[in-house]
Amino acid sequence: MISHSIPARVGLLGNPSDGYGGRTIAMTVPAFEATVSLESAASGITIEPGPDDRSAWGGPTDFVDQVDRFGYGTGVQLLAATVRTFIDVCRSVDHRQPDGFVLRYTTTIPRQVGLAGSSALVVATLRCLAESVELAIPAEVVPSIALAVETEQLGITAGLQDRVVQSYGGLVSMDFGDLVTDARFGVSHGEYETIDASALPPLFLASRRSAAEPSGNYHAELRSRFDAGDPVIRDTMRSLAGLAAEGRAALHWGATERFAELIGRNMVLRRRLGPLPDAQLALVDLAADLEAPATFTGSGGAVVGSHRDGEHLEALTKAYAAIDTDVIPLN
């Protein structure tokens, strides 16, 4: 039996410039994780459905609500796409392929709220498969293979950030400006650095399951506008990348308060990229009303923000509870 667990993540600065040659800073959240296990079998490949793989609904209203909030994808589809990609990887590097096995998964990462639950499952599956056939994949290459699972197999528009931070763990600074191609695996990667988190301001995570929404359509529209040369989108992506660079310097010099300010600035730039759901903006606006700079963790119903102290966090927790939103401290 082989098992790997991958935590959720929150994007702090620069997101979503990772898909556009930008820079980001993100960190993992051990409070939530996805776990995949692989058990050898005599022959054949089996992927067992997880708790979120629904195949029955109470009626049209329930069906529409579930699809609109969580999309059509299931954990089985993610794991199957990962296996398919991994087989191609083994063939490309002339390595033996996995034969008989059973894959199972569980996850505590809330779906479609911007905490990277899908990529956590993919990275965990890749690690199980690689270990099962003793294939050593460089740390910087794993995220690129994980991204290919979703972009090439499932047609999902996404960037490298989530896969990078979930592969490395902790607080990670990422630069996607000059990608380097790995000669053996044939994929490109950026420059990634795990950094000291001690200079971070006190952070909180607020997530609202009722604000869940598939991010694929949003990112597809963003990509279309960027590729069409939209000056607002292109300029904003450059600004977001610059924000991440400034945040990296702030952490280096211990400028805690400045980093907190940059989190709020990140959300100002995010708003320029296009319309956002009211239910998600309400999470940011509530924090702003209580003088807590906050930004989306990714694309969905969760925000990450900075608080001053325990009393401030308690006030935020109480206010968020009034709109059915959970709050946890991150450091």
C-alpha atoms as a PDB file:
ATOM      1  CA  MET A   1       0.000   0.000   0.000  1.00  0.00           C
ATOM      2  CA  ILE A   2       1.299   3.438  -1.007  1.00  0.00           C
ATOM      3  CA  SER A   3      -0.368   6.605   0.234  1.00  0.00           C
ATOM      4  CA  HIS A   4       0.260  10.335  -0.221  1.00  0.00           C
ATOM      5  CA  SER A   5      -1.547  13.354   1.203  1.00  0.00           C
ATOM      6  CA  ILE A   6      -1.455  16.823  -0.332  1.00  0.00           C
ATOM      7  CA  PRO A   7      -2.759  19.925   1.487  1.00  0.00           C
ATOM      8  CA  ALA A   8      -4.961  22.717   0.216  1.00  0.00           C
ATOM      9  CA  ARG A   9      -3.338  25.993  -0.770  1.00  0.00           C
ATOM     10  CA  VAL A  10      -4.039  29.718  -0.651  1.00  0.00           C
ATOM     11  CA  GLY A  11      -2.670  32.206  -3.156  1.00  0.00           C
ATOM     12  CA  LEU A  12      -1.340  35.295  -1.392  1.00  0.00           C
ATOM     13  CA  LEU A  13       0.072  37.531  -4.112  1.00  0.00           C
ATOM     14  CA  GLY A  14       0.224  37.568  -7.900  1.00  0.00           C
ATOM     15  CA  ASN A  15      -2.544  35.091  -8.646  1.00  0.00           C
ATOM     16  CA  PRO A  16      -3.611  34.453 -11.452  1.00  0.00           C
ATOM     17  CA  SER A  17      -0.528  35.749 -13.290  1.00  0.00           C
ATOM     18  CA  ASP A  18       1.073  32.288 -13.064  1.00  0.00           C
ATOM     19  CA  GLY A  19      -0.581  31.304 -16.329  1.00  0.00           C
ATOM     20  CA  TYR A  20       0.717  34.422 -18.067  1.00  0.00           C
ATOM     21  CA  GLY A  21       4.450  34.460 -17.376  1.00  0.00           C
ATOM     22  CA  GLY A  22       4.027  36.255 -14.056  1.00  0.00           C
ATOM     23  CA  ARG A  23       5.028  35.700 -10.447  1.00  0.00           C
ATOM     24  CA  THR A  24       3.105  34.489  -7.404  1.00  0.00           C
ATOM     25  CA  ILE A  25       3.477  33.711  -3.710  1.00  0.00           C
ATOM     26  CA  ALA A  26       1.304  30.998  -2.187  1.00  0.00           C
ATOM     27  CA  MET A  27       1.257  28.693   0.825  1.00  0.00           C
ATOM     28  CA  THR A  28      -0.194  25.334   1.773  1.00  0.00           C
ATOM     29  CA  VAL A  29      -2.975  24.886   4.352  1.00  0.00           C
ATOM     30  CA  PRO A  30      -2.517  21.653   6.358  1.00  0.00           C
ATOM     31  CA  ALA A  31      -6.017  21.983   7.849  1.00  0.00           C
ATOM     32  CA  PHE A  32      -7.423  20.494   4.626  1.00  0.00           C
ATOM     33  CA  GLU A  33      -5.915  17.729   2.514  1.00  0.00           C
ATOM     34  CA  ALA A  34      -6.531  15.171  -0.201  1.00  0.00           C
ATOM     35  CA  THR A  35      -5.221  11.634   0.262  1.00  0.00           C
ATOM     36  CA  VAL A  36      -4.725   9.052  -2.482  1.00  0.00           C
ATOM     37  CA  SER A  37      -3.726   5.439  -1.867  1.00  0.00           C
ATOM     38  CA  LEU A  38      -2.485   2.855  -4.327  1.00  0.00           C
ATOM     39  CA  GLU A  39      -2.725  -0.873  -3.606  1.00  0.00           C
ATOM     40  CA  SER A  40      -1.119  -3.469  -5.846  1.00  0.00           C
ATOM     41  CA  ALA A  41      -3.399  -5.874  -7.655  1.00  0.00           C
ATOM     42  CA  ALA A  42      -2.731  -9.018  -9.665  1.00  0.00           C
ATOM     43  CA  SER A  43      -3.853  -7.284 -12.843  1.00  0.00           C
ATOM     44  CA  GLY A  44      -6.051  -4.487 -14.128  1.00  0.00           C
ATOM     45  CA  ILE A  45      -6.580  -0.879 -13.053  1.00  0.00           C
ATOM     46  CA  THR A  46      -9.404   0.072 -10.688  1.00  0.00           C
ATOM     47  CA  ILE A  47     -10.314   3.552  -9.464  1.00  0.00           C
ATOM     48  CA  GLU A  48     -12.828   3.506  -6.663  1.00  0.00           C
ATOM     49  CA  PRO A  49     -15.314   6.400  -6.415  1.00  0.00           C
ATOM     50  CA  GLY A  50     -14.758   8.785  -3.544  1.00  0.00           C
ATOM     51  CA  PRO A  51     -17.343  10.464  -1.313  1.00  0.00           C
ATOM     52  CA  ASP A  52     -17.916  13.348  -3.747  1.00  0.00           C
ATOM     53  CA  ASP A  53     -18.561  11.199  -6.836  1.00  0.00           C
ATOM     54  CA  ARG A  54     -22.331  11.505  -6.950  1.00  0.00           C
ATOM     55  CA  SER A  55     -24.362   9.587  -9.517  1.00  0.00           C
ATOM     56  CA  ALA A  56     -27.836  10.222  -8.113  1.00  0.00           C
ATOM     57  CA  TRP A  57     -29.733  13.417  -7.302  1.00  0.00           C
ATOM     58  CA  GLY A  58     -32.996  14.287  -5.603  1.00  0.00           C
ATOM     59  CA  GLY A  59     -34.472  15.910  -8.690  1.00  0.00           C
ATOM     60  CA  PRO A  60     -33.907  18.668 -11.242  1.00  0.00           C
ATOM     61  CA  THR A  61     -33.379  21.397  -8.637  1.00  0.00           C
ATOM     62  CA  ASP A  62     -30.786  19.367  -6.727  1.00  0.00           C
ATOM     63  CA  PHE A  63     -29.056  18.365  -9.966  1.00  0.00           C
ATOM     64  CA  VAL A  64     -28.806  21.936 -11.295  1.00  0.00           C
ATOM     65  CA  ASP A  65     -27.628  23.256  -7.921  1.00  0.00           C
ATOM     66  CA  GLN A  66     -24.862  20.660  -7.661  1.00  0.00           C
ATOM     67  CA  VAL A  67     -23.625  21.107 -11.238  1.00  0.00           C
ATOM     68  CA  ASP A  68     -23.707  24.916 -11.077  1.00  0.00           C
ATOM     69  CA  ARG A  69     -21.784  24.949  -7.797  1.00  0.00           C
ATOM     70  CA  PHE A  70     -19.338  22.093  -8.338  1.00  0.00           C
ATOM     71  CA  GLY A  71     -19.193  21.443 -12.088  1.00  0.00           C
ATOM     72  CA  TYR A  72     -19.337  18.120 -13.866  1.00  0.00           C
ATOM     73  CA  GLY A  73     -15.957  16.768 -12.807  1.00  0.00           C
ATOM     74  CA  THR A  74     -15.463  13.966 -10.295  1.00  0.00           C
ATOM     75  CA  GLY A  75     -12.518  12.602  -8.378  1.00  0.00           C
ATOM     76  CA  VAL A  76     -12.575   9.456 -10.522  1.00  0.00           C
ATOM     77  CA  GLN A  77     -12.142  11.564 -13.655  1.00  0.00           C
ATOM     78  CA  LEU A  78      -9.192  13.423 -12.125  1.00  0.00           C
ATOM     79  CA  LEU A  79      -7.475  10.211 -11.049  1.00  0.00           C
ATOM     80  CA  ALA A  80      -8.159   8.559 -14.415  1.00  0.00           C
ATOM     81  CA  ALA A  81      -6.714  11.543 -16.284  1.00  0.00           C
ATOM     82  CA  THR A  82      -3.637  11.408 -14.035  1.00  0.00           C
ATOM     83  CA  VAL A  83      -3.098   7.714 -14.760  1.00  0.00           C
ATOM     84  CA  ARG A  84      -3.415   8.384 -18.492  1.00  0.00           C
ATOM     85  CA  THR A  85      -0.843  11.177 -18.366  1.00  0.00           C
ATOM     86  CA  PHE A  86       1.510   9.140 -16.187  1.00  0.00           C
ATOM     87  CA  ILE A  87       1.489   6.246 -18.652  1.00  0.00           C
ATOM     88  CA  ASP A  88       2.549   8.698 -21.369  1.00  0.00           C
ATOM     89  CA  VAL A  89       5.332   9.967 -19.097  1.00  0.00           C
ATOM     90  CA  CYS A  90       6.626   6.431 -18.521  1.00  0.00           C
ATOM     91  CA  ARG A  91       6.622   5.778 -22.248  1.00  0.00           C
ATOM     92  CA  SER A  92       8.417   9.038 -23.050  1.00  0.00           C
ATOM     93  CA  VAL A  93      11.293   8.295 -20.649  1.00  0.00           C
ATOM     94  CA  ASP A  94      11.362   4.572 -21.489  1.00  0.00           C
ATOM     95  CA  HIS A  95      10.415   3.522 -17.961  1.00  0.00           C
ATOM     96  CA  ARG A  96       8.234   0.589 -16.919  1.00  0.00           C
ATOM     97  CA  GLN A  97       4.536   1.359 -16.582  1.00  0.00           C
ATOM     98  CA  PRO A  98       2.293   0.584 -13.618  1.00  0.00           C
ATOM     99  CA  ASP A  99       0.349  -2.633 -14.131  1.00  0.00           C
ATOM    100  CA  GLY A 100      -2.220  -3.907 -11.663  1.00  0.00           C
ATOM    101  CA  PHE A 101      -3.409  -1.536  -8.939  1.00  0.00           C
ATOM    102  CA  VAL A 102      -6.394  -0.043  -7.146  1.00  0.00           C
ATOM    103  CA  LEU A 103      -6.611   3.696  -6.496  1.00  0.00           C
ATOM    104  CA  ARG A 104      -8.733   5.154  -3.707  1.00  0.00           C
ATOM    105  CA  TYR A 105      -9.094   8.718  -2.507  1.00  0.00           C
ATOM    106  CA  THR A 106     -10.538  10.856   0.240  1.00  0.00           C
ATOM    107  CA  THR A 107     -10.471  14.625   0.631  1.00  0.00           C
ATOM    108  CA  THR A 108     -11.376  17.218   3.231  1.00  0.00           C
ATOM    109  CA  ILE A 109     -10.704  20.158   0.884  1.00  0.00           C
ATOM    110  CA  PRO A 110     -13.977  22.008   0.211  1.00  0.00           C
ATOM    111  CA  ARG A 111     -14.867  21.777  -3.481  1.00  0.00           C
ATOM    112  CA  GLN A 112     -14.771  24.733  -5.866  1.00  0.00           C
ATOM    113  CA  VAL A 113     -14.058  27.432  -3.276  1.00  0.00           C
ATOM    114  CA  GLY A 114     -10.560  28.240  -4.521  1.00  0.00           C
ATOM    115  CA  LEU A 115      -8.433  25.962  -2.312  1.00  0.00           C
ATOM    116  CA  ALA A 116      -7.038  23.783  -5.141  1.00  0.00           C
ATOM    117  CA  GLY A 117      -8.737  20.519  -4.241  1.00  0.00           C
ATOM    118  CA  SER A 118      -8.483  19.137  -7.779  1.00  0.00           C
ATOM    119  CA  SER A 119      -4.749  19.710  -8.136  1.00  0.00           C
ATOM    120  CA  ALA A 120      -4.187  18.190  -4.687  1.00  0.00           C
ATOM    121  CA  LEU A 121      -5.752  14.945  -5.904  1.00  0.00           C
ATOM    122  CA  VAL A 122      -3.660  15.010  -9.083  1.00  0.00           C
ATOM    123  CA  VAL A 123      -0.345  15.612  -7.289  1.00  0.00           C
ATOM    124  CA  ALA A 124      -1.119  12.927  -4.697  1.00  0.00           C
ATOM    125  CA  THR A 125      -1.961  10.441  -7.463  1.00  0.00           C
ATOM    126  CA  LEU A 126       1.235  11.254  -9.368  1.00  0.00           C
ATOM    127  CA  ARG A 127       3.304  10.623  -6.261  1.00  0.00           C
ATOM    128  CA  CYS A 128       1.626   7.256  -5.672  1.00  0.00           C
ATOM    129  CA  LEU A 129       2.138   6.165  -9.280  1.00  0.00           C
ATOM    130  CA  ALA A 130       5.761   7.323  -9.413  1.00  0.00           C
ATOM    131  CA  GLU A 131       6.580   5.516  -6.182  1.00  0.00           C
ATOM    132  CA  SER A 132       4.888   2.331  -7.380  1.00  0.00           C
ATOM    133  CA  VAL A 133       7.253   2.042 -10.381  1.00  0.00           C
ATOM    134  CA  GLU A 134      10.248   3.755  -8.709  1.00  0.00           C
ATOM    135  CA  LEU A 135      10.312   6.653 -11.174  1.00  0.00           C
ATOM    136  CA  ALA A 136      12.189   9.647  -9.770  1.00  0.00           C
ATOM    137  CA  ILE A 137      10.620  12.874 -11.046  1.00  0.00           C
ATOM    138  CA  PRO A 138      12.466  16.129 -10.224  1.00  0.00           C
ATOM    139  CA  ALA A 139      10.547  18.381  -7.823  1.00  0.00           C
ATOM    140  CA  GLU A 140      10.324  21.196 -10.363  1.00  0.00           C
ATOM    141  CA  VAL A 141       8.917  18.838 -13.020  1.00  0.00           C
ATOM    142  CA  VAL A 142       6.054  17.362 -10.969  1.00  0.00           C
ATOM    143  CA  PRO A 143       3.884  20.538 -11.181  1.00  0.00           C
ATOM    144  CA  SER A 144       4.225  20.690 -14.971  1.00  0.00           C
ATOM    145  CA  ILE A 145       3.116  17.076 -15.356  1.00  0.00           C
ATOM    146  CA  ALA A 146       0.226  17.719 -12.949  1.00  0.00           C
ATOM    147  CA  LEU A 147      -0.836  20.746 -14.987  1.00  0.00           C
ATOM    148  CA  ALA A 148      -0.828  18.680 -18.186  1.00  0.00           C
ATOM    149  CA  VAL A 149      -3.319  16.293 -16.575  1.00  0.00           C
ATOM    150  CA  GLU A 150      -5.946  19.024 -16.342  1.00  0.00           C
ATOM    151  CA  THR A 151      -5.114  21.105 -19.412  1.00  0.00           C
ATOM    152  CA  GLU A 152      -4.436  18.307 -21.898  1.00  0.00           C
ATOM    153  CA  GLN A 153      -6.601  15.461 -20.634  1.00  0.00           C
ATOM    154  CA  LEU A 154      -9.559  17.403 -19.229  1.00  0.00           C
ATOM    155  CA  GLY A 155      -9.387  20.649 -21.204  1.00  0.00           C
ATOM    156  CA  ILE A 156      -9.319  22.832 -18.081  1.00  0.00           C
ATOM    157  CA  THR A 157      -7.687  26.272 -18.266  1.00  0.00           C
ATOM    158  CA  ALA A 158      -5.234  26.554 -15.370  1.00  0.00           C
ATOM    159  CA  GLY A 159      -1.750  27.673 -14.351  1.00  0.00           C
ATOM    160  CA  LEU A 160       1.233  26.170 -12.558  1.00  0.00           C
ATOM    161  CA  GLN A 161       0.935  27.909  -9.186  1.00  0.00           C
ATOM    162  CA  ASP A 162      -1.310  25.433  -7.376  1.00  0.00           C
ATOM    163  CA  ARG A 163       0.688  22.409  -8.453  1.00  0.00           C
ATOM    164  CA  VAL A 164       3.979  24.059  -7.510  1.00  0.00           C
ATOM    165  CA  VAL A 165       3.060  25.036  -3.974  1.00  0.00           C
ATOM    166  CA  GLN A 166       1.361  21.679  -3.364  1.00  0.00           C
ATOM    167  CA  SER A 167       4.424  19.817  -4.646  1.00  0.00           C
ATOM    168  CA  TYR A 168       6.890  21.821  -2.564  1.00  0.00           C
ATOM    169  CA  GLY A 169       4.804  22.575   0.532  1.00  0.00           C
ATOM    170  CA  GLY A 170       4.983  25.549   2.875  1.00  0.00           C
ATOM    171  CA  LEU A 171       5.377  29.114   1.612  1.00  0.00           C
ATOM    172  CA  VAL A 172       6.639  29.271  -1.971  1.00  0.00           C
ATOM    173  CA  SER A 173       7.744  32.113  -4.235  1.00  0.00           C
ATOM    174  CA  MET A 174       7.309  31.349  -7.942  1.00  0.00           C
ATOM    175  CA  ASP A 175       8.652  33.076 -11.057  1.00  0.00           C
ATOM    176  CA  PHE A 176       7.185  31.997 -14.411  1.00  0.00           C
ATOM    177  CA  GLY A 177       8.894  34.650 -16.531  1.00  0.00           C
ATOM    178  CA  ASP A 178      11.624  32.499 -18.093  1.00  0.00           C
ATOM    179  CA  LEU A 179      10.512  28.879 -18.302  1.00  0.00           C
ATOM    180  CA  VAL A 180      13.160  26.171 -18.609  1.00  0.00           C
ATOM    181  CA  THR A 181      12.518  22.891 -20.428  1.00  0.00           C
ATOM    182  CA  ASP A 182      13.544  19.662 -18.745  1.00  0.00           C
ATOM    183  CA  ALA A 183      15.371  17.646 -21.408  1.00  0.00           C
ATOM    184  CA  ARG A 184      14.319  14.228 -20.134  1.00  0.00           C
ATOM    185  CA  PHE A 185      10.641  14.811 -19.374  1.00  0.00           C
ATOM    186  CA  GLY A 186      10.038  17.407 -22.065  1.00  0.00           C
ATOM    187  CA  VAL A 187       8.071  19.860 -19.915  1.00  0.00           C
ATOM    188  CA  SER A 188       8.802  23.452 -18.953  1.00  0.00           C
ATOM    189  CA  HIS A 189       9.033  24.868 -15.450  1.00  0.00           C
ATOM    190  CA  GLY A 190       9.680  28.166 -13.716  1.00  0.00           C
ATOM    191  CA  GLU A 191      11.946  29.152 -10.840  1.00  0.00           C
ATOM    192  CA  TYR A 192      10.580  28.049  -7.474  1.00  0.00           C
ATOM    193  CA  GLU A 193      11.818  28.890  -3.974  1.00  0.00           C
ATOM    194  CA  THR A 194      10.552  27.771  -0.569  1.00  0.00           C
ATOM    195  CA  ILE A 195      10.841  30.785   1.724  1.00  0.00           C
ATOM    196  CA  ASP A 196      10.726  31.499   5.439  1.00  0.00           C
ATOM    197  CA  ALA A 197       7.173  32.171   6.587  1.00  0.00           C
ATOM    198  CA  SER A 198       8.128  33.858   9.875  1.00  0.00           C
ATOM    199  CA  ALA A 199       7.780  37.358   8.372  1.00  0.00           C
ATOM    200  CA  LEU A 200       4.187  36.772   7.281  1.00  0.00           C
ATOM    201  CA  PRO A 201       1.537  38.854   9.036  1.00  0.00           C
ATOM    202  CA  PRO A 202      -1.114  36.948  11.023  1.00  0.00           C
ATOM    203  CA  LEU A 203      -3.371  35.393   8.382  1.00  0.00           C
ATOM    204  CA  PHE A 204      -6.877  33.951   8.347  1.00  0.00           C
ATOM    205  CA  LEU A 205      -8.831  31.869   5.846  1.00  0.00           C
ATOM    206  CA  ALA A 206     -12.564  32.436   5.348  1.00  0.00           C
ATOM    207  CA  SER A 207     -14.440  29.919   3.185  1.00  0.00           C
ATOM    208  CA  ARG A 208     -18.095  29.803   2.229  1.00  0.00           C
ATOM    209  CA  ARG A 209     -19.314  26.582   0.637  1.00  0.00           C
ATOM    210  CA  SER A 210     -22.472  28.217  -0.700  1.00  0.00           C
ATOM    211  CA  ALA A 211     -20.246  30.526  -2.776  1.00  0.00           C
ATOM    212  CA  ALA A 212     -18.611  27.591  -4.549  1.00  0.00           C
ATOM    213  CA  GLU A 213     -18.421  27.908  -8.310  1.00  0.00           C
ATOM    214  CA  PRO A 214     -16.428  26.157 -11.074  1.00  0.00           C
ATOM    215  CA  SER A 215     -13.502  28.366 -12.102  1.00  0.00           C
ATOM    216  CA  GLY A 216     -13.057  26.942 -15.608  1.00  0.00           C
ATOM    217  CA  ASN A 217     -15.341  29.420 -17.376  1.00  0.00           C
ATOM    218  CA  TYR A 218     -13.755  32.415 -15.640  1.00  0.00           C
ATOM    219  CA  HIS A 219     -10.228  31.340 -16.567  1.00  0.00           C
ATOM    220  CA  ALA A 220     -11.229  30.427 -20.125  1.00  0.00           C
ATOM    221  CA  GLU A 221     -12.641  33.942 -20.635  1.00  0.00           C
ATOM    222  CA  LEU A 222      -9.530  35.457 -19.075  1.00  0.00           C
ATOM    223  CA  ARG A 223      -7.286  33.475 -21.410  1.00  0.00           C
ATOM    224  CA  SER A 224      -9.332  34.478 -24.429  1.00  0.00           C
ATOM    225  CA  ARG A 225      -9.087  38.181 -23.582  1.00  0.00           C
ATOM    226  CA  PHE A 226      -5.361  37.944 -22.870  1.00  0.00           C
ATOM    227  CA  ASP A 227      -4.659  36.141 -26.140  1.00  0.00           C
ATOM    228  CA  ALA A 228      -6.715  38.767 -27.981  1.00  0.00           C
ATOM    229  CA  GLY A 229      -4.359  41.439 -26.628  1.00  0.00           C
ATOM    230  CA  ASP A 230      -6.785  43.077 -24.186  1.00  0.00           C
ATOM    231  CA  PRO A 231      -4.646  45.942 -22.764  1.00  0.00           C
ATOM    232  CA  VAL A 232      -6.406  45.952 -19.372  1.00  0.00           C
ATOM    233  CA  ILE A 233      -5.836  42.231 -18.848  1.00  0.00           C
ATOM    234  CA  ARG A 234      -2.214  42.354 -19.977  1.00  0.00           C
ATOM    235  CA  ASP A 235      -1.376  45.404 -17.878  1.00  0.00           C
ATOM    236  CA  THR A 236      -3.078  43.917 -14.811  1.00  0.00           C
ATOM    237  CA  MET A 237      -1.155  40.656 -15.161  1.00  0.00           C
ATOM    238  CA  ARG A 238       2.110  42.612 -15.207  1.00  0.00           C
ATOM    239  CA  SER A 239       1.012  44.547 -12.126  1.00  0.00           C
ATOM    240  CA  LEU A 240       0.095  41.343 -10.289  1.00  0.00           C
ATOM    241  CA  ALA A 241       3.504  39.863 -11.070  1.00  0.00           C
ATOM    242  CA  GLY A 242       5.170  43.014  -9.797  1.00  0.00           C
ATOM    243  CA  LEU A 243       3.131  42.801  -6.621  1.00  0.00           C
ATOM    244  CA  ALA A 244       4.483  39.302  -5.949  1.00  0.00           C
ATOM    245  CA  ALA A 245       8.051  40.522  -6.485  1.00  0.00           C
ATOM    246  CA  GLU A 246       7.467  43.350  -4.015  1.00  0.00           C
ATOM    247  CA  GLY A 247       5.949  40.890  -1.549  1.00  0.00           C
ATOM    248  CA  ARG A 248       9.008  38.655  -1.790  1.00  0.00           C
ATOM    249  CA  ALA A 249      11.207  41.629  -0.910  1.00  0.00           C
ATOM    250  CA  ALA A 250       8.914  42.580   1.982  1.00  0.00           C
ATOM    251  CA  LEU A 251       9.271  39.092   3.462  1.00  0.00           C
ATOM    252  CA  HIS A 252      13.039  39.220   3.034  1.00  0.00           C
ATOM    253  CA  TRP A 253      13.271  42.492   4.985  1.00  0.00           C
ATOM    254  CA  GLY A 254      10.665  41.527   7.578  1.00  0.00           C
ATOM    255  CA  ALA A 255       8.201  44.196   6.415  1.00  0.00           C
ATOM    256  CA  THR A 256       5.146  42.446   7.841  1.00  0.00           C
ATOM    257  CA  GLU A 257       2.750  45.377   7.635  1.00  0.00           C
ATOM    258  CA  ARG A 258       3.711  46.106   4.047  1.00  0.00           C
ATOM    259  CA  PHE A 259       3.011  42.503   3.061  1.00  0.00           C
ATOM    260  CA  ALA A 260      -0.455  42.796   4.607  1.00  0.00           C
ATOM    261  CA  GLU A 261      -1.093  45.930   2.557  1.00  0.00           C
ATOM    262  CA  LEU A 262      -0.055  44.110  -0.598  1.00  0.00           C
ATOM    263  CA  ILE A 263      -2.672  41.415   0.046  1.00  0.00           C
ATOM    264  CA  GLY A 264      -5.352  44.083  -0.116  1.00  0.00           C
ATOM    265  CA  ARG A 265      -3.765  45.590  -3.215  1.00  0.00           C
ATOM    266  CA  ASN A 266      -3.855  42.161  -4.866  1.00  0.00           C
ATOM    267  CA  MET A 267      -7.652  42.156  -4.631  1.00  0.00           C
ATOM    268  CA  VAL A 268      -7.877  45.638  -6.135  1.00  0.00           C
ATOM    269  CA  LEU A 269      -6.044  44.295  -9.174  1.00  0.00           C
ATOM    270  CA  ARG A 270      -8.147  41.120  -9.291  1.00  0.00           C
ATOM    271  CA  ARG A 271     -11.291  43.221  -9.651  1.00  0.00           C
ATOM    272  CA  ARG A 272      -9.871  44.715 -12.862  1.00  0.00           C
ATOM    273  CA  LEU A 273      -9.831  41.332 -14.581  1.00  0.00           C
ATOM    274  CA  GLY A 274     -13.589  41.123 -14.995  1.00  0.00           C
ATOM    275  CA  PRO A 275     -16.932  40.728 -13.201  1.00  0.00           C
ATOM    276  CA  LEU A 276     -16.927  38.576 -10.070  1.00  0.00           C
ATOM    277  CA  PRO A 277     -19.858  36.884  -8.277  1.00  0.00           C
ATOM    278  CA  ASP A 278     -21.485  38.973  -5.558  1.00  0.00           C
ATOM    279  CA  ALA A 279     -21.371  36.052  -3.110  1.00  0.00           C
ATOM    280  CA  GLN A 280     -17.581  35.909  -3.442  1.00  0.00           C
ATOM    281  CA  LEU A 281     -17.026  39.674  -3.355  1.00  0.00           C
ATOM    282  CA  ALA A 282     -19.059  39.824  -0.147  1.00  0.00           C
ATOM    283  CA  LEU A 283     -16.293  37.861   1.602  1.00  0.00           C
ATOM    284  CA  VAL A 284     -13.676  40.442   0.631  1.00  0.00           C
ATOM    285  CA  ASP A 285     -15.899  43.434   1.354  1.00  0.00           C
ATOM    286  CA  LEU A 286     -16.736  42.155   4.834  1.00  0.00           C
ATOM    287  CA  ALA A 287     -13.029  41.941   5.653  1.00  0.00           C
ATOM    288  CA  ALA A 288     -12.474  45.455   4.272  1.00  0.00           C
ATOM    289  CA  ASP A 289     -15.290  46.802   6.463  1.00  0.00           C
ATOM    290  CA  LEU A 290     -13.375  45.448   9.477  1.00  0.00           C
ATOM    291  CA  GLU A 291     -10.052  46.883   8.240  1.00  0.00           C
ATOM    292  CA  ALA A 292      -8.609  43.500   7.309  1.00  0.00           C
ATOM    293  CA  PRO A 293      -6.912  43.423   3.872  1.00  0.00           C
ATOM    294  CA  ALA A 294      -8.006  40.280   2.024  1.00  0.00           C
ATOM    295  CA  THR A 295      -7.924  38.687  -1.408  1.00  0.00           C
ATOM    296  CA  PHE A 296      -9.261  35.569  -3.109  1.00  0.00           C
ATOM    297  CA  THR A 297      -7.328  32.411  -2.322  1.00  0.00           C
ATOM    298  CA  GLY A 298      -7.799  31.334  -5.927  1.00  0.00           C
ATOM    299  CA  SER A 299     -11.066  31.452  -7.841  1.00  0.00           C
ATOM    300  CA  GLY A 300     -14.045  30.606  -5.697  1.00  0.00           C
ATOM    301  CA  GLY A 301     -15.707  31.144  -2.361  1.00  0.00           C
ATOM    302  CA  ALA A 302     -12.688  31.610  -0.107  1.00  0.00           C
ATOM    303  CA  VAL A 303     -10.497  34.549   0.875  1.00  0.00           C
ATOM    304  CA  VAL A 304      -7.232  34.916   2.729  1.00  0.00           C
ATOM    305  CA  GLY A 305      -6.618  38.026   4.778  1.00  0.00           C
ATOM    306  CA  SER A 306      -4.494  39.613   7.469  1.00  0.00           C
ATOM    307  CA  HIS A 307      -5.677  40.376  11.001  1.00  0.00           C
ATOM    308  CA  ARG A 308      -4.005  42.427  13.729  1.00  0.00           C
ATOM    309  CA  ASP A 309      -4.440  40.241  16.798  1.00  0.00           C
ATOM    310  CA  GLY A 310      -6.690  37.748  18.554  1.00  0.00           C
ATOM    311  CA  GLU A 311      -9.385  40.324  19.248  1.00  0.00           C
ATOM    312  CA  HIS A 312      -9.459  41.342  15.601  1.00  0.00           C
ATOM    313  CA  LEU A 313      -9.662  37.699  14.507  1.00  0.00           C
ATOM    314  CA  GLU A 314     -12.545  37.108  16.919  1.00  0.00           C
ATOM    315  CA  ALA A 315     -14.460  40.047  15.443  1.00  0.00           C
ATOM    316  CA  LEU A 316     -13.865  38.723  11.921  1.00  0.00           C
ATOM    317  CA  THR A 317     -14.957  35.227  12.912  1.00  0.00           C
ATOM    318  CA  LYS A 318     -18.192  36.538  14.417  1.00  0.00           C
ATOM    319  CA  ALA A 319     -18.984  38.689  11.377  1.00  0.00           C
ATOM    320  CA  TYR A 320     -18.300  35.875   8.931  1.00  0.00           C
ATOM    321  CA  ALA A 321     -20.378  33.426  10.975  1.00  0.00           C
ATOM    322  CA  ALA A 322     -23.355  35.721  10.394  1.00  0.00           C
ATOM    323  CA  ILE A 323     -23.114  34.973   6.646  1.00  0.00           C
ATOM    324  CA  ASP A 324     -22.471  31.233   7.095  1.00  0.00           C
ATOM    325  CA  THR A 325     -18.715  31.465   6.482  1.00  0.00           C
ATOM    326  CA  ASP A 326     -16.065  29.493   8.362  1.00  0.00           C
ATOM    327  CA  VAL A 327     -12.842  31.145   9.565  1.00  0.00           C
ATOM    328  CA  ILE A 328      -9.563  29.522  10.616  1.00  0.00           C
ATOM    329  CA  PRO A 329      -6.196  31.117  11.509  1.00  0.00           C
ATOM    330  CA  LEU A 330      -3.343  30.120   9.173  1.00  0.00           C
ATOM    331  CA  ASN A 331      -0.288  30.963  11.290  1.00  0.00           C
END
